[in-house]
């Protein structure tokens, strides 16, 4: 089945479309994508993952057409950070 796996760090973002075997889980899809080799800082034990913006567990089965997402930790609380004015 065809799925996508997406991740973005501070400097790079990547969305790979790939084919995985039927019955694959979120974790298996991420491993199959090669994201863990390309971004060695990914820690699936501590980072959240999801499918189309909804949190999912690593053992969640993926369906054809799903986009698996690996989320980074939030480094600043948007409620407490002052807004920066952008000069145009």
N, C-alpha and C. Protein backbone atom coordinates (compact mmCIF):
# COMPACT_ATOMS: atom_id res chain seq x y z
N UNK A 1 0.83 -1.17 0.00
CA UNK A 1 0.00 0.00 0.00
C UNK A 1 0.88 1.24 0.00
N UNK A 2 0.35 2.33 -0.52
CA UNK A 2 1.11 3.57 -0.65
C UNK A 2 0.78 4.50 0.51
N UNK A 3 1.84 5.01 1.16
CA UNK A 3 1.67 5.95 2.27
C UNK A 3 2.71 7.05 2.14
N UNK A 4 2.66 8.02 3.04
CA UNK A 4 3.68 9.04 3.14
C UNK A 4 4.18 9.10 4.57
N UNK A 5 5.43 9.50 4.73
CA UNK A 5 6.01 9.71 6.07
C UNK A 5 6.64 11.09 6.04
N UNK A 6 6.27 11.92 7.03
CA UNK A 6 6.74 13.31 7.06
C UNK A 6 7.43 13.63 8.38
N UNK A 7 8.49 14.45 8.28
CA UNK A 7 9.21 14.94 9.46
C UNK A 7 9.90 16.23 9.09
N UNK A 8 9.99 17.14 10.06
CA UNK A 8 10.73 18.39 9.86
C UNK A 8 11.52 18.68 11.12
N UNK A 9 12.81 18.98 10.95
CA UNK A 9 13.59 19.45 12.08
C UNK A 9 13.79 20.95 11.90
N UNK A 10 14.71 21.55 12.64
CA UNK A 10 14.90 23.00 12.56
C UNK A 10 15.35 23.46 11.18
N UNK A 11 16.06 22.60 10.47
CA UNK A 11 16.70 23.03 9.23
C UNK A 11 16.20 22.35 7.98
N UNK A 12 15.55 21.24 8.12
CA UNK A 12 15.19 20.44 6.95
C UNK A 12 13.81 19.82 7.16
N UNK A 13 13.10 19.62 6.09
CA UNK A 13 11.83 18.90 6.18
C UNK A 13 11.77 17.92 5.02
N UNK A 14 11.08 16.82 5.30
CA UNK A 14 11.06 15.77 4.30
C UNK A 14 9.71 15.05 4.36
N UNK A 15 9.16 14.82 3.19
CA UNK A 15 7.93 14.04 3.08
C UNK A 15 8.19 13.00 2.01
N UNK A 16 8.26 11.75 2.43
CA UNK A 16 8.54 10.65 1.51
C UNK A 16 7.27 9.89 1.21
N UNK A 17 7.08 9.57 -0.04
CA UNK A 17 6.00 8.68 -0.43
C UNK A 17 6.64 7.33 -0.69
N UNK A 18 6.05 6.29 -0.11
CA UNK A 18 6.64 4.97 -0.25
C UNK A 18 5.58 3.90 -0.19
N UNK A 19 6.00 2.72 -0.52
CA UNK A 19 5.10 1.56 -0.47
C UNK A 19 5.54 0.68 0.70
N UNK A 20 4.57 0.28 1.50
CA UNK A 20 4.83 -0.60 2.64
C UNK A 20 3.92 -1.83 2.53
N UNK A 21 4.30 -2.92 3.15
CA UNK A 21 3.45 -4.12 3.10
C UNK A 21 2.12 -3.90 3.81
N UNK A 22 1.09 -4.54 3.34
CA UNK A 22 -0.21 -4.49 4.01
C UNK A 22 -0.04 -4.92 5.46
N UNK A 23 -0.78 -4.27 6.36
CA UNK A 23 -0.72 -4.61 7.77
C UNK A 23 0.41 -3.94 8.52
N UNK A 24 1.16 -3.04 7.86
CA UNK A 24 2.26 -2.34 8.53
C UNK A 24 1.73 -1.40 9.60
N UNK A 25 2.53 -1.20 10.64
CA UNK A 25 2.18 -0.26 11.70
C UNK A 25 2.88 1.08 11.45
N UNK A 26 2.52 2.07 12.24
CA UNK A 26 3.17 3.38 12.15
C UNK A 26 4.68 3.22 12.33
N UNK A 27 5.09 2.48 13.34
CA UNK A 27 6.52 2.30 13.61
C UNK A 27 7.22 1.60 12.43
N UNK A 28 6.61 0.57 11.89
CA UNK A 28 7.21 -0.13 10.76
C UNK A 28 7.32 0.79 9.54
N UNK A 29 6.32 1.63 9.32
CA UNK A 29 6.36 2.57 8.20
C UNK A 29 7.51 3.57 8.37
N UNK A 30 7.68 4.06 9.59
CA UNK A 30 8.78 5.00 9.85
C UNK A 30 10.12 4.32 9.63
N UNK A 31 10.28 3.11 10.13
CA UNK A 31 11.53 2.38 9.93
C UNK A 31 11.77 2.12 8.44
N UNK A 32 10.73 1.73 7.73
CA UNK A 32 10.85 1.44 6.30
C UNK A 32 11.23 2.69 5.50
N UNK A 33 10.81 3.86 5.98
CA UNK A 33 11.06 5.12 5.26
C UNK A 33 12.52 5.55 5.27
N UNK A 34 13.29 5.09 6.25
CA UNK A 34 14.68 5.54 6.38
C UNK A 34 14.83 6.84 7.14
N UNK A 35 13.75 7.38 7.67
CA UNK A 35 13.80 8.65 8.42
C UNK A 35 14.74 8.56 9.62
N UNK A 36 14.77 7.40 10.27
CA UNK A 36 15.60 7.26 11.47
C UNK A 36 17.08 7.33 11.12
N UNK A 37 17.46 6.92 9.91
CA UNK A 37 18.85 7.04 9.46
C UNK A 37 19.17 8.48 9.06
N UNK A 38 18.23 9.12 8.40
CA UNK A 38 18.46 10.48 7.92
C UNK A 38 18.43 11.51 9.05
N UNK A 39 17.59 11.28 10.04
CA UNK A 39 17.47 12.18 11.19
C UNK A 39 17.75 11.38 12.46
N UNK A 40 19.02 11.20 12.82
CA UNK A 40 19.35 10.34 13.97
C UNK A 40 18.85 10.88 15.31
N UNK A 41 18.43 12.14 15.36
CA UNK A 41 17.91 12.70 16.60
C UNK A 41 16.48 12.26 16.90
N UNK A 42 15.81 11.64 15.94
CA UNK A 42 14.45 11.16 16.20
C UNK A 42 14.51 10.07 17.27
N UNK A 43 13.67 10.23 18.28
CA UNK A 43 13.58 9.26 19.37
C UNK A 43 12.12 8.85 19.49
N UNK A 44 11.77 7.75 18.87
CA UNK A 44 10.37 7.32 18.85
C UNK A 44 9.84 6.97 20.23
N UNK A 45 10.72 6.71 21.19
CA UNK A 45 10.26 6.41 22.54
C UNK A 45 9.74 7.67 23.24
N UNK A 46 10.23 8.85 22.81
CA UNK A 46 9.87 10.10 23.48
C UNK A 46 9.13 11.10 22.60
N UNK A 47 9.12 10.90 21.30
CA UNK A 47 8.43 11.83 20.40
C UNK A 47 7.07 11.26 20.03
N UNK A 48 6.16 12.17 19.82
CA UNK A 48 4.82 11.75 19.41
C UNK A 48 4.78 11.55 17.90
N UNK A 49 3.85 10.71 17.49
CA UNK A 49 3.63 10.45 16.06
C UNK A 49 2.13 10.55 15.80
N UNK A 50 1.79 10.70 14.54
CA UNK A 50 0.37 10.78 14.21
C UNK A 50 0.12 10.41 12.76
N UNK A 51 -1.15 10.41 12.43
CA UNK A 51 -1.60 10.18 11.05
C UNK A 51 -2.53 11.33 10.70
N UNK A 52 -2.15 12.10 9.69
CA UNK A 52 -2.94 13.27 9.26
C UNK A 52 -3.28 14.19 10.42
N UNK A 53 -2.31 14.48 11.29
CA UNK A 53 -2.50 15.45 12.36
C UNK A 53 -3.18 14.93 13.60
N UNK A 54 -3.53 13.68 13.64
CA UNK A 54 -4.15 13.08 14.83
C UNK A 54 -3.13 12.15 15.48
N UNK A 55 -2.94 12.30 16.78
CA UNK A 55 -1.98 11.46 17.48
C UNK A 55 -2.31 9.98 17.29
N UNK A 56 -1.26 9.20 17.16
CA UNK A 56 -1.41 7.75 16.99
C UNK A 56 -0.32 7.05 17.78
N UNK A 57 -0.55 5.80 18.11
CA UNK A 57 0.46 4.99 18.77
C UNK A 57 1.32 4.31 17.72
N UNK A 58 2.51 3.92 18.12
CA UNK A 58 3.43 3.27 17.19
C UNK A 58 2.87 1.97 16.63
N UNK A 59 2.00 1.31 17.37
CA UNK A 59 1.47 0.03 16.89
C UNK A 59 0.16 0.18 16.11
N UNK A 60 -0.22 1.42 15.80
CA UNK A 60 -1.43 1.66 15.00
C UNK A 60 -1.20 1.20 13.56
N UNK A 61 -2.10 0.40 13.01
CA UNK A 61 -1.94 0.00 11.60
C UNK A 61 -2.18 1.19 10.67
N UNK A 62 -1.41 1.25 9.60
CA UNK A 62 -1.61 2.31 8.61
C UNK A 62 -2.49 1.78 7.48
N UNK A 63 -3.17 2.72 6.83
CA UNK A 63 -4.03 2.37 5.69
C UNK A 63 -3.48 3.02 4.44
N UNK A 64 -3.87 2.49 3.32
CA UNK A 64 -3.45 3.03 2.04
C UNK A 64 -3.79 4.52 1.98
N UNK A 65 -2.81 5.34 1.61
CA UNK A 65 -3.01 6.78 1.48
C UNK A 65 -2.73 7.58 2.73
N UNK A 66 -2.44 6.93 3.87
CA UNK A 66 -2.15 7.65 5.11
C UNK A 66 -0.86 8.45 5.00
N UNK A 67 -0.80 9.55 5.77
CA UNK A 67 0.44 10.31 5.93
C UNK A 67 0.84 10.18 7.40
N UNK A 68 1.91 9.45 7.65
CA UNK A 68 2.45 9.28 9.00
C UNK A 68 3.34 10.48 9.29
N UNK A 69 3.16 11.08 10.47
CA UNK A 69 3.92 12.28 10.84
C UNK A 69 4.67 12.03 12.14
N UNK A 70 5.91 12.50 12.17
CA UNK A 70 6.73 12.44 13.38
C UNK A 70 6.82 13.87 13.89
N UNK A 71 6.41 14.08 15.14
CA UNK A 71 6.35 15.43 15.69
C UNK A 71 7.57 15.72 16.56
N UNK A 72 8.07 16.96 16.44
CA UNK A 72 9.16 17.41 17.30
C UNK A 72 8.57 17.91 18.61
N UNK A 73 9.44 18.00 19.62
CA UNK A 73 9.03 18.58 20.89
C UNK A 73 8.83 20.08 20.72
N UNK A 74 7.84 20.63 21.39
CA UNK A 74 7.64 22.07 21.37
C UNK A 74 8.73 22.70 22.22
N UNK A 75 9.44 23.68 21.66
CA UNK A 75 10.54 24.31 22.39
C UNK A 75 10.14 25.63 23.01
N UNK A 76 9.01 26.18 22.62
CA UNK A 76 8.54 27.44 23.21
C UNK A 76 7.02 27.40 23.27
N UNK A 77 6.49 27.90 24.36
CA UNK A 77 5.04 27.94 24.53
C UNK A 77 4.49 29.15 23.78
N UNK A 78 3.70 28.94 22.74
CA UNK A 78 3.20 30.07 21.95
C UNK A 78 2.34 31.03 22.76
N UNK A 79 1.82 30.59 23.89
CA UNK A 79 1.00 31.46 24.73
C UNK A 79 1.85 32.48 25.49
N UNK A 80 3.12 32.15 25.74
CA UNK A 80 3.95 33.03 26.56
C UNK A 80 5.03 33.77 25.76
N UNK A 81 5.27 33.38 24.54
CA UNK A 81 6.29 34.03 23.73
C UNK A 81 5.71 35.30 23.11
N UNK A 82 6.47 36.38 23.21
CA UNK A 82 6.00 37.64 22.61
C UNK A 82 5.97 37.48 21.10
N UNK A 83 4.97 38.08 20.50
CA UNK A 83 4.89 38.05 19.03
C UNK A 83 5.94 38.98 18.46
N UNK A 84 6.54 38.53 17.39
CA UNK A 84 7.55 39.34 16.72
C UNK A 84 6.88 40.06 15.56
N UNK A 85 7.11 41.36 15.49
CA UNK A 85 6.58 42.12 14.36
C UNK A 85 7.47 41.90 13.16
N UNK A 86 6.86 41.61 12.05
CA UNK A 86 7.59 41.37 10.82
C UNK A 86 7.52 42.64 9.98
N UNK A 87 8.71 43.15 9.66
CA UNK A 87 8.74 44.35 8.81
C UNK A 87 8.60 43.92 7.37
N UNK A 88 7.76 44.62 6.66
CA UNK A 88 7.55 44.27 5.24
C UNK A 88 8.28 45.24 4.36
